[in-house]
Amino acid sequence: MKNIATALAAAQIKMGKALKQSQNPHFRSKYADLGNVMEACLPALNEAGIALVQPTRTDEHGSHYVTTMLIHGESGEHLSCDVPLILGKNDMQGYGSAVTYARRYGLMAMAGIAPEDDDGNAAAKNAPTNADKADEAFWFKDNLPKMTTAQHINSVLGRAKKAGREIAKMVADRANELDLDYDPDKRMYVALESADED
């Protein structure tokens, strides 16, 4: 992975900020949409010889994912990550929204960028408000019941930790319902059978 790692490091130096320029009417807040994220990193990736592809896939258990792949054209080396598709509505609009969401977060994770406010680092400097915490609680209450695998749960662990103790407990309770066990060495949930084997 030496070639793609070197190329990605060179690209990251040139990447811009994923600016929060889109409005979320439900939460009355701004966010960096997929276009903002791609604008921040895709030119630098392409200049470094790295192509981006984001196909969807279904695993052997029937769970659906968007796989974000960074492919180094010269060497053929690639890096990838999966983001689970969690549908809010079981129709094409819900599917499209889930795919866009997964593409956005997968690309931010792979490129190593984070969203920022237009006016600098205001979001990072301000502590979460009660409204922010309420929004997060609503999101987790709505989406946790739809999460059915360890990968689903693990994909939201960082977000749950930032949201506070109450949200983290909700995630732990859902993991318990799914017979998952937290592996402190891997810092992730695993199926009980896998934990027993270790």
N, C-alpha and C. Protein backbone atom coordinates (compact mmCIF):
# COMPACT_ATOMS: atom_id res chain seq x y z
N MET A 1 0.81 -1.21 0.00
CA MET A 1 0.00 0.00 0.00
C MET A 1 0.85 1.27 0.00
N LYS A 2 2.12 1.11 -0.25
CA LYS A 2 3.04 2.25 -0.19
C LYS A 2 2.66 3.32 -1.20
N ASN A 3 2.33 2.92 -2.44
CA ASN A 3 2.07 3.90 -3.50
C ASN A 3 0.82 4.73 -3.23
N ILE A 4 -0.27 4.06 -2.86
CA ILE A 4 -1.51 4.82 -2.63
C ILE A 4 -1.40 5.66 -1.37
N ALA A 5 -0.67 5.15 -0.38
CA ALA A 5 -0.50 5.94 0.85
C ALA A 5 0.28 7.23 0.56
N THR A 6 1.32 7.12 -0.25
CA THR A 6 2.11 8.29 -0.62
C THR A 6 1.28 9.28 -1.42
N ALA A 7 0.50 8.75 -2.38
CA ALA A 7 -0.33 9.62 -3.22
C ALA A 7 -1.44 10.28 -2.39
N LEU A 8 -2.04 9.53 -1.47
CA LEU A 8 -3.11 10.08 -0.64
C LEU A 8 -2.58 11.17 0.28
N ALA A 9 -1.39 10.95 0.83
CA ALA A 9 -0.79 11.97 1.69
C ALA A 9 -0.55 13.27 0.91
N ALA A 10 -0.09 13.13 -0.34
CA ALA A 10 0.14 14.31 -1.18
C ALA A 10 -1.18 15.02 -1.49
N ALA A 11 -2.23 14.23 -1.71
CA ALA A 11 -3.55 14.82 -2.00
C ALA A 11 -4.11 15.55 -0.79
N GLN A 12 -3.94 14.97 0.39
CA GLN A 12 -4.52 15.56 1.60
C GLN A 12 -3.94 16.94 1.90
N ILE A 13 -2.69 17.15 1.51
CA ILE A 13 -2.08 18.47 1.72
C ILE A 13 -2.83 19.54 0.93
N LYS A 14 -3.37 19.14 -0.23
CA LYS A 14 -4.02 20.10 -1.13
C LYS A 14 -5.53 20.17 -0.96
N MET A 15 -6.09 19.31 -0.11
CA MET A 15 -7.54 19.30 0.04
C MET A 15 -8.04 20.55 0.74
N GLY A 16 -9.23 20.99 0.31
CA GLY A 16 -9.86 22.13 0.96
C GLY A 16 -10.72 21.70 2.13
N LYS A 17 -11.58 22.58 2.56
CA LYS A 17 -12.48 22.30 3.66
C LYS A 17 -13.85 21.93 3.10
N ALA A 18 -14.51 20.95 3.73
CA ALA A 18 -15.88 20.61 3.34
C ALA A 18 -16.80 21.61 4.03
N LEU A 19 -17.11 22.69 3.32
CA LEU A 19 -17.86 23.78 3.93
C LEU A 19 -19.34 23.44 4.10
N LYS A 20 -19.89 23.83 5.23
CA LYS A 20 -21.32 23.62 5.50
C LYS A 20 -22.12 24.69 4.78
N GLN A 21 -22.57 24.37 3.57
CA GLN A 21 -23.27 25.36 2.76
C GLN A 21 -24.72 24.96 2.45
N SER A 22 -25.14 23.77 2.89
CA SER A 22 -26.52 23.33 2.65
C SER A 22 -27.32 23.44 3.93
N GLN A 23 -28.61 23.68 3.78
CA GLN A 23 -29.49 23.90 4.94
C GLN A 23 -30.33 22.67 5.22
N ASN A 24 -30.33 22.22 6.49
CA ASN A 24 -31.21 21.13 6.93
C ASN A 24 -32.45 21.76 7.56
N PRO A 25 -33.60 21.73 6.86
CA PRO A 25 -34.79 22.41 7.37
C PRO A 25 -35.36 21.77 8.63
N HIS A 26 -35.11 20.47 8.82
CA HIS A 26 -35.66 19.77 9.99
C HIS A 26 -34.98 20.21 11.28
N PHE A 27 -33.64 20.39 11.20
CA PHE A 27 -32.88 20.73 12.41
C PHE A 27 -32.42 22.18 12.42
N ARG A 28 -32.84 22.96 11.39
CA ARG A 28 -32.46 24.37 11.30
C ARG A 28 -30.95 24.56 11.47
N SER A 29 -30.20 23.77 10.71
CA SER A 29 -28.75 23.85 10.79
C SER A 29 -28.15 23.66 9.41
N LYS A 30 -26.90 24.06 9.27
CA LYS A 30 -26.19 23.88 8.00
C LYS A 30 -25.35 22.61 8.05
N TYR A 31 -25.11 22.04 6.87
CA TYR A 31 -24.25 20.87 6.79
C TYR A 31 -23.53 20.86 5.44
N ALA A 32 -22.45 20.09 5.37
CA ALA A 32 -21.70 19.92 4.13
C ALA A 32 -22.34 18.78 3.36
N ASP A 33 -22.95 19.07 2.21
CA ASP A 33 -23.59 18.01 1.45
C ASP A 33 -22.54 17.27 0.61
N LEU A 34 -22.98 16.25 -0.15
CA LEU A 34 -22.05 15.44 -0.93
C LEU A 34 -21.26 16.31 -1.91
N GLY A 35 -21.92 17.29 -2.52
CA GLY A 35 -21.23 18.17 -3.45
C GLY A 35 -20.12 18.96 -2.77
N ASN A 36 -20.38 19.47 -1.55
CA ASN A 36 -19.37 20.20 -0.80
C ASN A 36 -18.17 19.31 -0.48
N VAL A 37 -18.45 18.07 -0.10
CA VAL A 37 -17.38 17.13 0.27
C VAL A 37 -16.54 16.78 -0.96
N MET A 38 -17.21 16.50 -2.09
CA MET A 38 -16.47 16.16 -3.30
C MET A 38 -15.65 17.34 -3.80
N GLU A 39 -16.20 18.53 -3.67
CA GLU A 39 -15.49 19.74 -4.08
C GLU A 39 -14.23 19.93 -3.24
N ALA A 40 -14.30 19.52 -1.97
CA ALA A 40 -13.17 19.71 -1.06
C ALA A 40 -12.02 18.75 -1.34
N CYS A 41 -12.33 17.54 -1.82
CA CYS A 41 -11.25 16.55 -1.91
C CYS A 41 -11.03 15.92 -3.28
N LEU A 42 -12.04 15.87 -4.14
CA LEU A 42 -11.90 15.14 -5.40
C LEU A 42 -10.82 15.72 -6.33
N PRO A 43 -10.72 17.04 -6.51
CA PRO A 43 -9.66 17.56 -7.37
C PRO A 43 -8.27 17.15 -6.91
N ALA A 44 -8.04 17.20 -5.60
CA ALA A 44 -6.72 16.83 -5.07
C ALA A 44 -6.46 15.34 -5.24
N LEU A 45 -7.50 14.51 -5.04
CA LEU A 45 -7.34 13.07 -5.23
C LEU A 45 -7.00 12.76 -6.69
N ASN A 46 -7.76 13.34 -7.61
CA ASN A 46 -7.53 13.09 -9.04
C ASN A 46 -6.15 13.57 -9.48
N GLU A 47 -5.73 14.73 -8.97
CA GLU A 47 -4.42 15.25 -9.33
C GLU A 47 -3.30 14.31 -8.88
N ALA A 48 -3.54 13.60 -7.77
CA ALA A 48 -2.55 12.65 -7.25
C ALA A 48 -2.68 11.27 -7.90
N GLY A 49 -3.57 11.16 -8.90
CA GLY A 49 -3.72 9.89 -9.60
C GLY A 49 -4.61 8.90 -8.89
N ILE A 50 -5.50 9.40 -8.03
CA ILE A 50 -6.40 8.53 -7.28
C ILE A 50 -7.82 8.71 -7.79
N ALA A 51 -8.44 7.60 -8.20
CA ALA A 51 -9.83 7.61 -8.66
C ALA A 51 -10.75 7.24 -7.50
N LEU A 52 -11.96 7.79 -7.53
CA LEU A 52 -12.97 7.50 -6.51
C LEU A 52 -14.12 6.73 -7.16
N VAL A 53 -14.50 5.60 -6.56
CA VAL A 53 -15.71 4.90 -6.97
C VAL A 53 -16.49 4.55 -5.71
N GLN A 54 -17.84 4.59 -5.80
CA GLN A 54 -18.68 4.34 -4.63
C GLN A 54 -19.87 3.44 -5.00
N PRO A 55 -19.62 2.17 -5.28
CA PRO A 55 -20.71 1.27 -5.62
C PRO A 55 -21.49 0.83 -4.38
N THR A 56 -22.70 0.34 -4.59
CA THR A 56 -23.46 -0.27 -3.49
C THR A 56 -23.25 -1.77 -3.55
N ARG A 57 -23.42 -2.44 -2.41
CA ARG A 57 -23.29 -3.89 -2.38
C ARG A 57 -24.18 -4.46 -1.29
N THR A 58 -24.46 -5.75 -1.38
CA THR A 58 -25.25 -6.46 -0.38
C THR A 58 -24.42 -7.65 0.11
N ASP A 59 -24.31 -7.81 1.44
CA ASP A 59 -23.52 -8.92 1.96
C ASP A 59 -24.36 -10.19 2.06
N GLU A 60 -23.74 -11.25 2.56
CA GLU A 60 -24.41 -12.56 2.62
C GLU A 60 -25.59 -12.58 3.59
N HIS A 61 -25.67 -11.57 4.47
CA HIS A 61 -26.78 -11.50 5.43
C HIS A 61 -27.92 -10.61 4.93
N GLY A 62 -27.75 -10.05 3.74
CA GLY A 62 -28.79 -9.18 3.18
C GLY A 62 -28.67 -7.72 3.59
N SER A 63 -27.58 -7.36 4.28
CA SER A 63 -27.38 -5.95 4.66
C SER A 63 -26.78 -5.20 3.47
N HIS A 64 -27.18 -3.94 3.33
CA HIS A 64 -26.76 -3.14 2.18
C HIS A 64 -25.75 -2.07 2.61
N TYR A 65 -24.79 -1.79 1.72
CA TYR A 65 -23.71 -0.86 2.02
C TYR A 65 -23.36 -0.03 0.80
N VAL A 66 -22.75 1.13 1.04
CA VAL A 66 -22.01 1.85 0.00
C VAL A 66 -20.54 1.64 0.31
N THR A 67 -19.81 1.12 -0.66
CA THR A 67 -18.37 0.93 -0.51
C THR A 67 -17.66 2.10 -1.17
N THR A 68 -16.88 2.83 -0.41
CA THR A 68 -16.08 3.92 -0.95
C THR A 68 -14.69 3.38 -1.22
N MET A 69 -14.26 3.46 -2.48
CA MET A 69 -12.94 2.94 -2.87
C MET A 69 -12.09 4.06 -3.47
N LEU A 70 -10.86 4.16 -2.98
CA LEU A 70 -9.85 5.04 -3.56
C LEU A 70 -8.86 4.15 -4.28
N ILE A 71 -8.72 4.34 -5.61
CA ILE A 71 -7.89 3.46 -6.42
C ILE A 71 -6.74 4.28 -7.02
N HIS A 72 -5.53 3.82 -6.75
CA HIS A 72 -4.34 4.49 -7.31
C HIS A 72 -4.12 3.95 -8.72
N GLY A 73 -4.29 4.82 -9.72
CA GLY A 73 -4.24 4.39 -11.11
C GLY A 73 -2.93 3.75 -11.52
N GLU A 74 -1.82 4.30 -11.07
CA GLU A 74 -0.51 3.82 -11.52
C GLU A 74 -0.18 2.44 -10.97
N SER A 75 -0.49 2.21 -9.69
CA SER A 75 -0.11 0.93 -9.06
C SER A 75 -1.26 -0.06 -8.98
N GLY A 76 -2.49 0.44 -9.07
CA GLY A 76 -3.64 -0.45 -8.91
C GLY A 76 -3.99 -0.71 -7.45
N GLU A 77 -3.23 -0.17 -6.53
CA GLU A 77 -3.53 -0.33 -5.10
C GLU A 77 -4.80 0.43 -4.76
N HIS A 78 -5.53 -0.09 -3.78
CA HIS A 78 -6.77 0.60 -3.40
C HIS A 78 -7.03 0.49 -1.90
N LEU A 79 -7.81 1.44 -1.40
CA LEU A 79 -8.29 1.45 -0.03
C LEU A 79 -9.81 1.52 -0.09
N SER A 80 -10.48 0.92 0.88
CA SER A 80 -11.94 0.97 0.84
C SER A 80 -12.53 0.93 2.24
N CYS A 81 -13.77 1.41 2.33
CA CYS A 81 -14.53 1.30 3.58
C CYS A 81 -16.01 1.17 3.24
N ASP A 82 -16.75 0.52 4.11
CA ASP A 82 -18.19 0.32 3.93
C ASP A 82 -18.97 1.18 4.90
N VAL A 83 -20.04 1.79 4.42
CA VAL A 83 -20.98 2.51 5.28
C VAL A 83 -22.35 1.86 5.07
N PRO A 84 -23.00 1.39 6.14
CA PRO A 84 -24.29 0.71 5.98
C PRO A 84 -25.39 1.65 5.49
N LEU A 85 -26.28 1.12 4.70
CA LEU A 85 -27.45 1.87 4.25
C LEU A 85 -28.58 1.64 5.23
N ILE A 86 -29.02 2.70 5.89
CA ILE A 86 -30.13 2.63 6.84
C ILE A 86 -31.24 3.51 6.29
N LEU A 87 -32.29 2.88 5.82
CA LEU A 87 -33.36 3.61 5.14
C LEU A 87 -34.36 4.20 6.11
N GLY A 88 -34.62 5.50 5.94
CA GLY A 88 -35.66 6.15 6.73
C GLY A 88 -37.04 5.79 6.20
N LYS A 89 -37.13 5.67 4.86
CA LYS A 89 -38.39 5.28 4.21
C LYS A 89 -38.07 4.18 3.21
N ASN A 90 -38.95 3.19 3.12
CA ASN A 90 -38.71 2.07 2.22
C ASN A 90 -39.25 2.37 0.82
N ASP A 91 -38.67 3.39 0.18
CA ASP A 91 -39.02 3.72 -1.20
C ASP A 91 -37.76 4.28 -1.86
N MET A 92 -37.85 4.65 -3.13
CA MET A 92 -36.67 5.10 -3.85
C MET A 92 -36.11 6.40 -3.29
N GLN A 93 -36.99 7.26 -2.81
CA GLN A 93 -36.51 8.50 -2.21
C GLN A 93 -35.70 8.21 -0.95
N GLY A 94 -36.21 7.30 -0.12
CA GLY A 94 -35.49 6.92 1.08
C GLY A 94 -34.17 6.25 0.75
N TYR A 95 -34.18 5.39 -0.30
CA TYR A 95 -32.97 4.71 -0.72
C TYR A 95 -31.94 5.72 -1.23
N GLY A 96 -32.41 6.65 -2.07
CA GLY A 96 -31.50 7.67 -2.61
C GLY A 96 -30.87 8.52 -1.52
N SER A 97 -31.68 8.89 -0.52
CA SER A 97 -31.16 9.69 0.59
C SER A 97 -30.11 8.91 1.38
N ALA A 98 -30.39 7.62 1.61
CA ALA A 98 -29.45 6.78 2.36
C ALA A 98 -28.14 6.61 1.60
N VAL A 99 -28.22 6.42 0.27
CA VAL A 99 -27.01 6.28 -0.54
C VAL A 99 -26.18 7.56 -0.51
N THR A 100 -26.84 8.70 -0.66
CA THR A 100 -26.14 9.99 -0.63
C THR A 100 -25.45 10.20 0.71
N TYR A 101 -26.17 9.89 1.79
CA TYR A 101 -25.62 10.03 3.15
C TYR A 101 -24.39 9.15 3.31
N ALA A 102 -24.51 7.88 2.86
CA ALA A 102 -23.40 6.93 3.01
C ALA A 102 -22.20 7.34 2.15
N ARG A 103 -22.47 7.85 0.96
CA ARG A 103 -21.38 8.31 0.10
C ARG A 103 -20.64 9.48 0.74
N ARG A 104 -21.40 10.40 1.31
CA ARG A 104 -20.81 11.59 1.94
C ARG A 104 -19.91 11.19 3.11
N TYR A 105 -20.43 10.36 4.00
CA TYR A 105 -19.65 10.00 5.18
C TYR A 105 -18.50 9.06 4.84
N GLY A 106 -18.71 8.17 3.86
CA GLY A 106 -17.62 7.30 3.44
C GLY A 106 -16.46 8.09 2.85
N LEU A 107 -16.79 9.08 2.02
CA LEU A 107 -15.74 9.88 1.39
C LEU A 107 -15.01 10.73 2.41
N MET A 108 -15.74 11.33 3.36
CA MET A 108 -15.07 12.12 4.39
C MET A 108 -14.12 11.24 5.20
N ALA A 109 -14.56 10.03 5.52
CA ALA A 109 -13.72 9.12 6.31
C ALA A 109 -12.47 8.72 5.54
N MET A 110 -12.63 8.39 4.27
CA MET A 110 -11.48 7.93 3.48
C MET A 110 -10.51 9.06 3.17
N ALA A 111 -11.04 10.25 2.90
CA ALA A 111 -10.17 11.39 2.55
C ALA A 111 -9.54 12.02 3.79
N GLY A 112 -10.15 11.79 4.94
CA GLY A 112 -9.62 12.36 6.18
C GLY A 112 -9.98 13.81 6.37
N ILE A 113 -11.18 14.20 5.89
CA ILE A 113 -11.61 15.59 6.05
C ILE A 113 -12.84 15.65 6.95
N ALA A 114 -13.09 16.83 7.49
CA ALA A 114 -14.26 17.04 8.34
C ALA A 114 -14.98 18.30 7.88
N PRO A 115 -16.30 18.37 8.09
CA PRO A 115 -17.03 19.58 7.70
C PRO A 115 -16.68 20.75 8.61
N GLU A 116 -16.67 21.95 8.01
CA GLU A 116 -16.40 23.16 8.77
C GLU A 116 -17.39 24.24 8.41
N ASP A 117 -17.66 25.13 9.35
CA ASP A 117 -18.53 26.27 9.08
C ASP A 117 -17.85 27.22 8.10
N ASP A 118 -18.66 27.97 7.35
CA ASP A 118 -18.11 28.97 6.43
C ASP A 118 -17.28 30.01 7.16
N ASP A 119 -17.66 30.30 8.41
CA ASP A 119 -16.97 31.37 9.14
C ASP A 119 -15.83 30.85 10.01
N GLY A 120 -15.23 29.74 9.61
CA GLY A 120 -14.06 29.24 10.33
C GLY A 120 -14.39 28.02 11.16
N ASN A 121 -13.84 27.97 12.36
CA ASN A 121 -13.99 26.81 13.22
C ASN A 121 -15.03 27.03 14.31
N ALA A 122 -16.08 27.78 14.02
CA ALA A 122 -17.07 28.11 15.04
C ALA A 122 -17.69 26.87 15.65
N ALA A 123 -17.99 25.88 14.85
CA ALA A 123 -18.65 24.69 15.37
C ALA A 123 -17.75 23.94 16.33
N ALA A 124 -16.45 23.89 16.02
CA ALA A 124 -15.53 23.17 16.88
C ALA A 124 -15.33 23.88 18.21
N LYS A 125 -15.46 25.20 18.20
CA LYS A 125 -15.20 25.97 19.41
C LYS A 125 -16.40 25.99 20.35
N ASN A 126 -17.60 25.79 19.82
CA ASN A 126 -18.80 25.87 20.64
C ASN A 126 -19.22 24.51 21.17
N ALA A 127 -19.57 24.43 22.42
CA ALA A 127 -20.05 23.19 23.00
C ALA A 127 -21.43 22.87 22.43
N PRO A 128 -21.79 21.56 22.36
CA PRO A 128 -23.11 21.20 21.85
C PRO A 128 -24.22 21.84 22.68
N THR A 129 -25.23 22.34 22.03
CA THR A 129 -26.35 22.95 22.73
C THR A 129 -27.38 21.89 23.09
N ASN A 130 -28.35 22.26 23.91
CA ASN A 130 -29.43 21.33 24.24
C ASN A 130 -30.19 20.91 22.99
N ALA A 131 -30.33 21.85 22.04
CA ALA A 131 -31.03 21.53 20.79
C ALA A 131 -30.25 20.49 20.00
N ASP A 132 -28.90 20.63 19.98
CA ASP A 132 -28.06 19.66 19.28
C ASP A 132 -28.24 18.27 19.89
N LYS A 133 -28.24 18.23 21.23
CA LYS A 133 -28.38 16.94 21.92
C LYS A 133 -29.75 16.33 21.66
N ALA A 134 -30.78 17.17 21.62
CA ALA A 134 -32.13 16.67 21.34
C ALA A 134 -32.22 16.11 19.92
N ASP A 135 -31.57 16.80 18.96
CA ASP A 135 -31.54 16.32 17.58
C ASP A 135 -30.86 14.96 17.50
N GLU A 136 -29.74 14.81 18.21
CA GLU A 136 -29.03 13.54 18.20
C GLU A 136 -29.86 12.44 18.85
N ALA A 137 -30.50 12.75 19.96
CA ALA A 137 -31.35 11.76 20.64
C ALA A 137 -32.47 11.30 19.71
N PHE A 138 -33.07 12.24 19.00
CA PHE A 138 -34.14 11.91 18.05
C PHE A 138 -33.61 10.99 16.96
N TRP A 139 -32.42 11.32 16.41
CA TRP A 139 -31.84 10.52 15.33
C TRP A 139 -31.58 9.09 15.80
N PHE A 140 -30.98 8.95 16.98
CA PHE A 140 -30.66 7.61 17.48
C PHE A 140 -31.92 6.81 17.82
N LYS A 141 -32.92 7.46 18.42
CA LYS A 141 -34.16 6.75 18.73
C LYS A 141 -34.85 6.25 17.47
N ASP A 142 -34.74 7.02 16.40
CA ASP A 142 -35.38 6.66 15.13
C ASP A 142 -34.60 5.58 14.39
N ASN A 143 -33.26 5.62 14.46
CA ASN A 143 -32.44 4.74 13.63
C ASN A 143 -31.89 3.50 14.31
N LEU A 144 -31.70 3.53 15.62
CA LEU A 144 -31.15 2.35 16.30
C LEU A 144 -31.98 1.09 16.08
N PRO A 145 -33.33 1.16 16.14
CA PRO A 145 -34.10 -0.07 15.91
C PRO A 145 -33.89 -0.67 14.52
N LYS A 146 -33.44 0.13 13.56
CA LYS A 146 -33.21 -0.36 12.19
C LYS A 146 -31.83 -1.00 12.04
N MET A 147 -30.98 -0.81 13.04
CA MET A 147 -29.62 -1.36 12.97
C MET A 147 -29.64 -2.80 13.45
N THR A 148 -29.14 -3.70 12.61
CA THR A 148 -29.27 -5.13 12.90
C THR A 148 -27.96 -5.89 12.92
N THR A 149 -26.83 -5.23 12.67
CA THR A 149 -25.55 -5.92 12.64
C THR A 149 -24.51 -5.16 13.46
N ALA A 150 -23.42 -5.84 13.79
CA ALA A 150 -22.32 -5.21 14.51
C ALA A 150 -21.75 -4.05 13.69
N GLN A 151 -21.69 -4.21 12.37
CA GLN A 151 -21.15 -3.14 11.52
C GLN A 151 -22.02 -1.89 11.60
N HIS A 152 -23.35 -2.09 11.65
CA HIS A 152 -24.25 -0.94 11.81
C HIS A 152 -23.92 -0.20 13.11
N ILE A 153 -23.85 -0.95 14.21
CA ILE A 153 -23.60 -0.35 15.53
C ILE A 153 -22.23 0.33 15.56
N ASN A 154 -21.21 -0.36 15.02
CA ASN A 154 -19.86 0.20 15.05
C ASN A 154 -19.74 1.47 14.24
N SER A 155 -20.57 1.62 13.21
CA SER A 155 -20.50 2.81 12.35
C SER A 155 -20.96 4.07 13.07
N VAL A 156 -21.68 3.94 14.19
CA VAL A 156 -22.17 5.12 14.90
C VAL A 156 -21.56 5.29 16.28
N LEU A 157 -20.55 4.48 16.61
CA LEU A 157 -19.96 4.56 17.96
C LEU A 157 -19.34 5.93 18.23
N GLY A 158 -18.59 6.46 17.28
CA GLY A 158 -17.96 7.77 17.48
C GLY A 158 -18.99 8.87 17.67
N ARG A 159 -20.04 8.80 16.86
CA ARG A 159 -21.11 9.80 16.95
C ARG A 159 -21.82 9.70 18.29
N ALA A 160 -22.05 8.46 18.75
CA ALA A 160 -22.73 8.26 20.04
C ALA A 160 -21.89 8.79 21.20
N LYS A 161 -20.59 8.58 21.12
CA LYS A 161 -19.70 9.04 22.19
C LYS A 161 -19.74 10.56 22.31
N LYS A 162 -19.73 11.24 21.14
CA LYS A 162 -19.78 12.70 21.16
C LYS A 162 -21.13 13.21 21.66
N ALA A 163 -22.19 12.42 21.43
CA ALA A 163 -23.54 12.85 21.80
C ALA A 163 -23.79 12.77 23.30
N GLY A 164 -22.96 12.01 24.02
CA GLY A 164 -23.12 11.96 25.47
C GLY A 164 -23.48 10.59 26.01
N ARG A 165 -23.49 10.50 27.33
CA ARG A 165 -23.68 9.23 28.03
C ARG A 165 -25.03 8.57 27.75
N GLU A 166 -26.07 9.37 27.68
CA GLU A 166 -27.41 8.81 27.45
C GLU A 166 -27.50 8.12 26.09
N ILE A 167 -26.93 8.75 25.06
CA ILE A 167 -26.95 8.16 23.72
C ILE A 167 -26.07 6.92 23.68
N ALA A 168 -24.90 7.00 24.32
CA ALA A 168 -23.99 5.85 24.35
C ALA A 168 -24.67 4.65 25.01
N LYS A 169 -25.48 4.90 26.04
CA LYS A 169 -26.20 3.81 26.70
C LYS A 169 -27.26 3.22 25.76
N MET A 170 -27.91 4.07 24.97
CA MET A 170 -28.89 3.58 24.01
C MET A 170 -28.24 2.63 23.01
N VAL A 171 -27.04 3.00 22.56
CA VAL A 171 -26.31 2.16 21.61
C VAL A 171 -25.91 0.84 22.27
N ALA A 172 -25.43 0.92 23.51
CA ALA A 172 -25.04 -0.30 24.23
C ALA A 172 -26.24 -1.22 24.44
N ASP A 173 -27.39 -0.64 24.76
CA ASP A 173 -28.61 -1.44 24.96
C ASP A 173 -29.01 -2.13 23.67
N ARG A 174 -28.91 -1.40 22.53
CA ARG A 174 -29.26 -2.01 21.24
C ARG A 174 -28.28 -3.13 20.89
N ALA A 175 -27.00 -2.92 21.18
CA ALA A 175 -26.00 -3.95 20.93
C ALA A 175 -26.30 -5.20 21.76
N ASN A 176 -26.74 -4.99 23.00
CA ASN A 176 -27.10 -6.10 23.87
C ASN A 176 -28.29 -6.88 23.31
N GLU A 177 -29.28 -6.15 22.77
CA GLU A 177 -30.43 -6.80 22.16
C GLU A 177 -30.03 -7.67 20.97
N LEU A 178 -28.95 -7.26 20.29
CA LEU A 178 -28.49 -8.00 19.11
C LEU A 178 -27.46 -9.07 19.46
N ASP A 179 -27.27 -9.31 20.79
CA ASP A 179 -26.29 -10.30 21.26
C ASP A 179 -24.87 -9.96 20.80
N LEU A 180 -24.52 -8.69 20.90
CA LEU A 180 -23.17 -8.25 20.55
C LEU A 180 -22.40 -7.97 21.83
N ASP A 181 -21.10 -8.14 21.76
CA ASP A 181 -20.24 -7.91 22.92
C ASP A 181 -19.18 -6.89 22.53
N TYR A 182 -18.87 -5.96 23.44
CA TYR A 182 -17.87 -4.94 23.14
C TYR A 182 -16.48 -5.50 23.37
N ASP A 183 -15.63 -5.42 22.36
CA ASP A 183 -14.24 -5.87 22.45
C ASP A 183 -13.36 -4.65 22.72
N PRO A 184 -12.84 -4.51 23.94
CA PRO A 184 -12.07 -3.30 24.28
C PRO A 184 -10.75 -3.20 23.51
N ASP A 185 -10.20 -4.33 23.08
CA ASP A 185 -8.95 -4.30 22.32
C ASP A 185 -9.19 -3.74 20.91
N LYS A 186 -10.28 -4.19 20.29
CA LYS A 186 -10.61 -3.72 18.94
C LYS A 186 -11.42 -2.43 18.96
N ARG A 187 -11.95 -2.08 20.17
CA ARG A 187 -12.78 -0.88 20.34
C ARG A 187 -14.00 -0.93 19.42
N MET A 188 -14.64 -2.08 19.41
CA MET A 188 -15.81 -2.25 18.56
C MET A 188 -16.65 -3.41 19.08
N TYR A 189 -17.90 -3.49 18.61
CA TYR A 189 -18.77 -4.59 18.97
C TYR A 189 -18.56 -5.75 18.02
N VAL A 190 -18.62 -6.96 18.59
CA VAL A 190 -18.50 -8.18 17.79
C VAL A 190 -19.62 -9.12 18.22
N ALA A 191 -19.96 -10.07 17.34
CA ALA A 191 -20.94 -11.08 17.70
C ALA A 191 -20.41 -11.93 18.84
N LEU A 192 -21.27 -12.38 19.72
CA LEU A 192 -20.84 -13.13 20.90
C LEU A 192 -20.00 -14.36 20.54
N GLU A 193 -20.37 -15.03 19.42
CA GLU A 193 -19.60 -16.20 19.03
C GLU A 193 -18.16 -15.83 18.72
N SER A 194 -17.97 -14.68 18.02
CA SER A 194 -16.62 -14.22 17.70
C SER A 194 -15.85 -13.87 18.95
N ALA A 195 -16.54 -13.24 19.92
CA ALA A 195 -15.88 -12.88 21.17
C ALA A 195 -15.44 -14.11 21.93
N ASP A 196 -16.29 -15.18 21.91
CA ASP A 196 -15.95 -16.42 22.60
C ASP A 196 -14.73 -17.08 21.98
N GLU A 197 -14.61 -16.99 20.65
CA GLU A 197 -13.49 -17.61 19.96
C GLU A 197 -12.19 -16.97 20.34
N ASP A 198 -12.20 -15.64 20.58
CA ASP A 198 -10.99 -14.93 20.97
C ASP A 198 -10.57 -15.32 22.38
